[in-house]
Protein backbone atom coordinates (compact mmCIF):
# COMPACT_ATOMS: atom_id res chain seq x y z
CA MET A 1 0.00 0.00 0.00
CA ALA A 2 1.49 3.31 -1.05
CA THR A 3 1.18 6.43 1.11
CA ASP A 4 1.36 9.85 -0.45
CA ILE A 5 3.04 12.70 1.36
CA VAL A 6 0.72 15.67 1.05
CA GLN A 7 1.93 19.25 1.01
CA LEU A 8 0.01 21.83 3.09
CA LYS A 9 -0.70 24.90 1.03
CA GLU A 10 -1.89 28.33 2.08
CA ASN A 11 -3.21 30.56 -0.71
CA GLY A 12 -1.60 28.20 -3.18
CA VAL A 13 1.84 28.44 -1.53
CA ALA A 14 3.42 25.26 -0.07
CA LYS A 15 3.99 25.64 3.70
CA TYR A 16 4.71 22.35 5.46
CA LEU A 17 5.01 18.71 4.63
CA LYS A 18 2.24 16.57 6.14
CA THR A 19 4.89 14.96 8.38
CA HIS A 20 5.85 18.32 9.96
CA ALA A 21 4.34 19.04 13.42
CA ASN A 22 3.02 22.43 12.26
CA ALA A 23 0.89 20.65 9.66
CA ILE A 24 -1.08 18.60 12.22
CA ASP A 25 -4.61 19.94 12.70
CA GLY A 26 -5.33 20.98 16.28
CA LEU A 27 -1.69 20.99 17.38
CA ASP A 28 -0.52 24.22 18.95
CA GLY A 29 3.18 24.36 19.71
CA VAL A 30 5.76 21.66 19.26
CA LEU A 31 5.92 17.98 20.05
CA VAL A 32 7.91 16.71 23.04
CA LYS A 33 10.76 14.36 22.23
CA ALA A 34 10.65 10.89 23.72
CA THR A 35 14.31 11.09 24.79
CA GLY A 36 16.72 13.87 25.68
CA ASP A 37 16.43 16.96 27.87
CA GLU A 38 14.11 19.84 27.07
CA SER A 39 11.95 22.42 28.83
CA ILE A 40 8.19 22.13 28.74
CA GLY A 41 6.13 25.21 29.61
CA GLY A 42 2.65 25.36 31.14
CA THR A 43 0.59 22.96 33.23
CA LYS A 44 0.27 19.36 32.09
CA ASN A 45 -2.71 17.43 33.44
CA PHE A 46 -1.75 13.75 33.39
CA THR A 47 -4.80 11.50 33.63
CA GLY A 48 -2.76 8.43 34.58
CA ALA A 49 0.00 7.78 37.08
CA LEU A 50 3.33 9.52 36.53
CA ASN A 51 6.41 7.29 36.85
CA VAL A 52 10.12 8.05 37.07
CA LYS A 53 12.51 5.12 36.59
CA SER A 54 9.55 2.71 36.97
CA LYS A 55 8.61 4.20 40.37
CA ARG A 56 5.33 6.04 40.86
CA VAL A 57 5.64 9.73 41.68
CA LEU A 58 3.62 10.76 44.75
CA THR A 59 1.44 13.86 44.54
CA ALA A 60 -0.30 15.98 47.17
CA ASP A 61 -3.52 14.07 46.42
CA ASP A 62 -1.80 10.80 47.33
CA LEU A 63 -0.88 12.05 50.78
CA PRO A 64 -3.78 13.91 52.32
CA LEU A 65 -3.13 15.04 55.87
CA ALA A 66 -6.73 14.16 56.74
CA THR A 67 -6.26 11.32 59.21
CA PRO A 68 -3.44 11.72 61.70
CA LEU A 69 -1.53 8.70 62.97
CA TRP A 70 -1.72 10.50 66.31
CA SER A 71 -3.19 13.80 67.52
CA GLY A 72 -3.31 15.58 70.85
CA ALA A 73 -0.91 17.84 72.74
CA SER A 74 2.39 16.52 74.08
CA PHE A 75 5.50 18.35 75.26
CA LEU A 76 7.38 15.14 74.38
CA SER A 77 9.18 15.12 77.70
CA GLY A 78 11.29 12.12 78.62
CA THR A 79 8.27 10.32 80.07
CA HIS A 80 6.06 10.84 77.02
CA THR A 81 5.59 8.07 74.45
CA ILE A 82 3.40 8.57 71.37
CA ASN A 83 2.02 5.32 69.95
CA LEU A 84 1.28 5.60 66.23
CA SER A 85 -1.81 4.00 64.67
CA LYS A 86 0.34 2.83 61.73
CA SER A 87 3.98 1.81 61.55
CA VAL A 88 6.27 4.32 59.85
CA ASN A 89 7.56 1.37 57.80
CA ASP A 90 4.06 1.05 56.28
CA CYS A 91 3.80 4.74 55.37
CA ALA A 92 4.31 5.88 51.78
CA SER A 93 7.50 7.84 52.44
CA GLY A 94 7.61 8.73 56.15
CA ILE A 95 5.86 10.91 58.72
CA ALA A 96 5.35 14.63 59.30
CA LEU A 97 5.37 16.01 62.85
CA LYS A 98 3.25 19.09 63.56
CA PHE A 99 4.23 21.38 66.44
CA ASN A 100 2.20 24.34 67.73
CA PRO A 101 2.64 26.86 70.55
CA TYR A 102 1.07 25.86 73.86
CA ASN A 103 -1.42 28.14 75.63
CA SER A 104 -0.82 27.51 79.34
CA GLY A 105 -3.89 29.58 80.25
CA SER A 106 -6.31 27.32 78.39
CA GLY A 107 -4.23 24.16 78.61
CA SER A 108 -4.43 23.64 74.84
CA ALA A 109 -2.39 24.32 71.74
CA TYR A 110 -2.79 27.30 69.46
CA THR A 111 -3.72 26.38 65.89
CA SER A 112 -1.41 28.96 64.32
CA GLN A 113 2.39 29.28 64.08
CA THR A 114 2.80 25.66 63.05
CA SER A 115 6.26 24.13 62.68
CA TRP A 116 6.43 20.97 60.53
CA PHE A 117 9.20 18.42 60.45
CA VAL A 118 9.35 15.46 58.04
CA ILE A 119 11.06 12.21 58.99
CA PRO A 120 11.79 9.95 56.01
CA LYS A 121 10.78 6.31 56.20
CA GLN A 122 14.41 5.33 55.44
CA HIS A 123 15.50 7.00 58.69
CA VAL A 124 13.27 4.64 60.67
CA SER A 125 13.98 1.50 58.64
CA SER A 126 17.76 2.04 58.76
CA ASN A 127 20.27 1.90 61.60
CA ALA A 128 19.05 5.36 62.66
CA SER A 129 15.84 3.87 64.10
CA GLY A 130 15.75 4.48 67.83
CA GLN A 131 18.27 7.32 67.67
CA ASN A 132 17.58 10.96 68.50
CA THR A 133 16.09 13.17 65.80
CA PHE A 134 16.15 16.96 66.19
CA CYS A 135 13.02 18.84 65.07
CA PRO A 136 13.55 22.60 64.71
CA ILE A 137 10.86 24.90 66.11
CA PHE A 138 10.37 28.46 64.86
CA LYS A 139 8.30 31.43 66.05
CA GLN A 140 5.85 33.15 63.72
CA ASP A 141 8.48 35.75 62.79
CA GLY A 142 10.93 33.01 61.78
CA THR A 143 13.04 33.22 64.94
CA PHE A 144 14.57 29.86 65.88
CA VAL A 145 13.29 28.66 69.27
CA GLY A 146 15.19 25.40 69.59
CA ALA A 147 14.94 21.78 68.54
CA LYS A 148 12.64 19.18 70.06
CA VAL A 149 14.48 15.88 70.56
CA VAL A 150 12.46 12.88 69.41
CA THR A 151 13.43 9.22 69.34
CA VAL A 152 11.64 7.65 66.38
CA SER A 153 10.90 3.94 66.14
CA PRO A 154 8.58 2.24 63.64
CA ALA A 155 5.51 2.28 65.92
CA LYS A 156 6.23 5.06 68.42
CA LEU A 157 7.88 8.38 69.23
CA THR A 158 9.59 9.03 72.55
CA GLY A 159 10.50 12.45 73.89
CA ALA A 160 13.40 13.78 75.96
CA ASP A 161 13.58 15.81 79.18
CA VAL A 162 15.07 18.81 77.34
CA ASN A 163 11.76 19.25 75.44
CA ALA A 164 9.88 20.36 78.58
CA VAL A 165 12.19 23.16 79.78
CA GLY A 166 12.92 26.71 78.68
CA ALA A 167 11.52 28.05 75.42
CA LEU A 168 10.75 24.55 74.11
CA TYR A 169 8.21 24.13 76.92
CA GLY A 170 6.06 26.63 75.02
CA TYR A 171 5.54 24.20 72.10
CA VAL A 172 3.74 20.87 71.85
CA LEU A 173 3.45 18.09 69.31
CA THR A 174 -0.15 18.27 68.02
CA GLY A 175 -0.17 15.73 65.20
CA VAL A 176 1.73 13.00 63.37
CA TYR A 177 0.77 12.42 59.73
CA GLU A 178 1.75 9.99 57.00
CA VAL A 179 3.61 11.48 54.06
């Protein structure tokens, strides 16, 4: 079966071969190459899963912070242990710790001035499991307050005495989320 190459003409003047991207009806712009590096402008709405090196890329929709693995208010002092509802090893990529200022007058945490700290799953599944992790805490103006010391194991978090003294006593852990 023979295929003819058709020439696109405008006002009788040849413009593009049918095989040229500019000759494809409905195509605005250029085609993306299958290999090599290039920049692609604009938003691309993929309807299927996006993979990189055969591994699925996680998106914000994959990791909603809707259901915490733990919630409450804990200074994470040396006597405090937080039991998680799901092992960190079973989380997609780790956990996020949410810290908020503590209101001693009401005995509850403020909902503003949140400091977040992410702990990768690899930290817990490696030799670092059970070792101290330092979670930086910042004031609303960006001033560094200090670092809460947390011992992270697959199913629990344990605090340290240093977390309940000085400026750090003004901040509590209010949630642990899967990320």
